[in-house]
Amino acid sequence: MRSDSTQMTKGRIDMASWIALRCVCGTYGGNMIYKVKARVIDETIGEFYRKLADGTVAKQRPDGEEIVASMKRAVLTGPGVAEWYEMCFCPTPLYHERQSQYDFYFTDMTTEPAEGYGEIQGASLWSYMASNAEAAKHAE
């Protein structure tokens, strides 16, 4: 993780990423934090973990670092159901994130505006994805 001012963190984004978000998502209407709920696609979630862990997703502009941070915060709240909070600048919630990543690894995604990053109780999605990736590696 970078320690300079270009790092994206909770509630903050560097200028280059902000400009890129405007280009990808259209007119800037203010940042929104969403509570997200989605069903995990077990057949592909290990692949997603590998892309998260090897830095591929973090390099995605403008939202890669926020995707990684969101997945580290995400938890499983029921069998195959993940929930997390995520910041997005798109007029359509998580539009770019879904087109580029999420729709390959999750289904039945819902979003609702949130006042801030909240705490969600559950088991770590990150750990679940790591286990799934490891199992898939051994099955090869």
Protein backbone atom coordinates (compact mmCIF):
# COMPACT_ATOMS: atom_id res chain seq x y z
CA MET A 1 0.00 0.00 0.00
CA ARG A 2 1.37 3.42 -0.91
CA SER A 3 1.95 5.96 1.82
CA ASP A 4 2.03 9.10 -0.33
CA SER A 5 -0.83 11.51 -0.93
CA THR A 6 -2.13 9.55 -3.92
CA GLN A 7 -3.38 6.73 -1.72
CA MET A 8 -7.16 6.34 -1.67
CA THR A 9 -8.53 5.91 1.84
CA LYS A 10 -11.87 6.05 3.61
CA GLY A 11 -13.54 9.24 2.47
CA ARG A 12 -10.50 10.64 0.56
CA ILE A 13 -9.35 10.34 -3.00
CA ASP A 14 -6.38 11.87 -4.81
CA MET A 15 -6.94 14.48 -7.52
CA ALA A 16 -5.87 12.27 -10.45
CA SER A 17 -8.37 9.58 -9.42
CA TRP A 18 -11.09 12.20 -8.90
CA ILE A 19 -10.56 13.53 -12.42
CA ALA A 20 -10.57 9.99 -13.81
CA LEU A 21 -13.79 9.22 -11.95
CA ARG A 22 -15.42 12.27 -13.52
CA CYS A 23 -14.38 10.98 -16.94
CA VAL A 24 -15.64 7.43 -16.27
CA CYS A 25 -18.76 8.27 -14.31
CA GLY A 26 -19.85 11.55 -15.84
CA THR A 27 -20.72 14.68 -13.98
CA TYR A 28 -19.46 14.75 -10.44
CA GLY A 29 -22.37 14.89 -8.05
CA GLY A 30 -20.49 14.34 -4.80
CA ASN A 31 -19.13 11.18 -3.31
CA MET A 32 -21.53 8.68 -1.87
CA ILE A 33 -20.95 5.81 0.46
CA TYR A 34 -23.13 2.81 -0.18
CA LYS A 35 -23.93 -0.26 1.83
CA VAL A 36 -23.61 -3.13 -0.62
CA LYS A 37 -25.07 -6.62 -0.43
CA ALA A 38 -24.38 -9.34 -2.98
CA ARG A 39 -24.32 -13.08 -3.50
CA VAL A 40 -20.86 -14.61 -4.01
CA ILE A 41 -20.23 -16.67 -7.15
CA ASP A 42 -18.15 -19.47 -5.63
CA GLU A 43 -16.82 -20.64 -8.99
CA THR A 44 -15.07 -17.32 -9.68
CA ILE A 45 -14.41 -15.74 -6.26
CA GLY A 46 -10.97 -17.37 -5.95
CA GLU A 47 -9.92 -15.72 -9.21
CA PHE A 48 -11.09 -12.36 -7.81
CA TYR A 49 -9.01 -12.91 -4.68
CA ARG A 50 -5.90 -13.61 -6.77
CA LYS A 51 -6.45 -10.36 -8.70
CA LEU A 52 -6.97 -8.46 -5.44
CA ALA A 53 -3.93 -9.98 -3.75
CA ASP A 54 -1.48 -9.63 -6.64
CA GLY A 55 -2.19 -5.92 -7.16
CA THR A 56 -4.06 -6.23 -10.45
CA VAL A 57 -7.25 -4.66 -9.09
CA ALA A 58 -5.40 -1.94 -7.15
CA LYS A 59 -3.86 -0.72 -10.42
CA GLN A 60 -7.31 -0.24 -11.97
CA ARG A 61 -8.11 3.43 -12.35
CA PRO A 62 -9.88 5.21 -10.98
CA ASP A 63 -11.39 2.89 -8.37
CA GLY A 64 -9.05 -0.06 -7.86
CA GLU A 65 -7.71 0.93 -4.47
CA GLU A 66 -11.23 1.52 -3.15
CA ILE A 67 -12.33 -1.90 -4.44
CA VAL A 68 -9.43 -3.56 -2.59
CA ALA A 69 -10.16 -1.62 0.61
CA SER A 70 -13.87 -2.48 0.34
CA MET A 71 -13.16 -6.18 -0.10
CA LYS A 72 -10.91 -6.12 2.96
CA ARG A 73 -13.82 -4.63 4.95
CA ALA A 74 -16.43 -7.01 3.48
CA VAL A 75 -17.98 -9.77 5.54
CA LEU A 76 -20.15 -12.81 4.98
CA THR A 77 -23.49 -12.26 6.69
CA GLY A 78 -25.10 -15.50 5.60
CA PRO A 79 -24.39 -18.50 3.38
CA GLY A 80 -22.90 -17.02 0.20
CA VAL A 81 -23.98 -13.46 1.05
CA ALA A 82 -21.41 -10.67 1.37
CA GLU A 83 -21.92 -7.13 2.65
CA TRP A 84 -19.65 -4.10 2.72
CA TYR A 85 -19.49 -0.33 2.48
CA GLU A 86 -17.97 1.39 -0.52
CA MET A 87 -17.44 4.92 -1.77
CA CYS A 88 -18.49 5.69 -5.32
CA PHE A 89 -18.71 8.84 -7.45
CA CYS A 90 -20.86 7.47 -10.28
CA PRO A 91 -24.45 8.67 -10.76
CA THR A 92 -25.39 4.98 -10.95
CA PRO A 93 -24.01 3.32 -7.78
CA LEU A 94 -20.91 1.19 -8.44
CA TYR A 95 -21.39 1.40 -12.20
CA HIS A 96 -17.72 1.22 -13.15
CA GLU A 97 -16.88 -1.22 -10.34
CA ARG A 98 -19.60 -3.59 -11.53
CA GLN A 99 -18.66 -3.34 -15.20
CA SER A 100 -14.98 -3.93 -14.55
CA GLN A 101 -14.98 -6.38 -11.61
CA TYR A 102 -17.98 -7.12 -9.42
CA ASP A 103 -20.40 -8.57 -11.98
CA PHE A 104 -17.90 -11.39 -12.66
CA TYR A 105 -17.75 -12.44 -8.99
CA PHE A 106 -21.11 -11.47 -7.44
CA THR A 107 -24.79 -11.64 -8.35
CA ASP A 108 -27.96 -10.07 -6.94
CA MET A 109 -26.07 -6.91 -5.94
CA THR A 110 -28.01 -4.20 -4.13
CA THR A 111 -26.87 -0.81 -2.89
CA GLU A 112 -28.32 1.68 -0.48
CA PRO A 113 -26.94 5.09 0.48
CA ALA A 114 -25.18 5.19 3.85
CA GLU A 115 -24.16 8.04 6.11
CA GLY A 116 -20.66 6.61 6.46
CA TYR A 117 -18.65 3.44 6.75
CA GLY A 118 -20.45 1.29 9.29
CA GLU A 119 -19.57 -1.93 11.03
CA ILE A 120 -21.14 -5.12 9.72
CA GLN A 121 -20.95 -8.30 11.76
CA GLY A 122 -19.87 -11.46 9.98
CA ALA A 123 -16.96 -13.60 8.87
CA SER A 124 -14.21 -12.05 6.75
CA LEU A 125 -14.93 -12.24 3.02
CA TRP A 126 -11.20 -11.77 2.39
CA SER A 127 -10.39 -14.94 4.35
CA TYR A 128 -13.18 -16.82 2.58
CA MET A 129 -11.84 -15.76 -0.83
CA ALA A 130 -8.27 -16.73 0.16
CA SER A 131 -9.44 -20.20 1.24
CA ASN A 132 -11.43 -20.60 -1.97
CA ALA A 133 -8.41 -19.57 -4.08
CA GLU A 134 -6.17 -22.00 -2.21
CA ALA A 135 -8.64 -24.86 -2.66
CA ALA A 136 -8.92 -24.12 -6.37
CA LYS A 137 -5.12 -24.09 -6.69
CA HIS A 138 -4.87 -27.54 -5.10
CA ALA A 139 -7.64 -28.87 -7.33
CA GLU A 140 -5.65 -28.01 -10.48
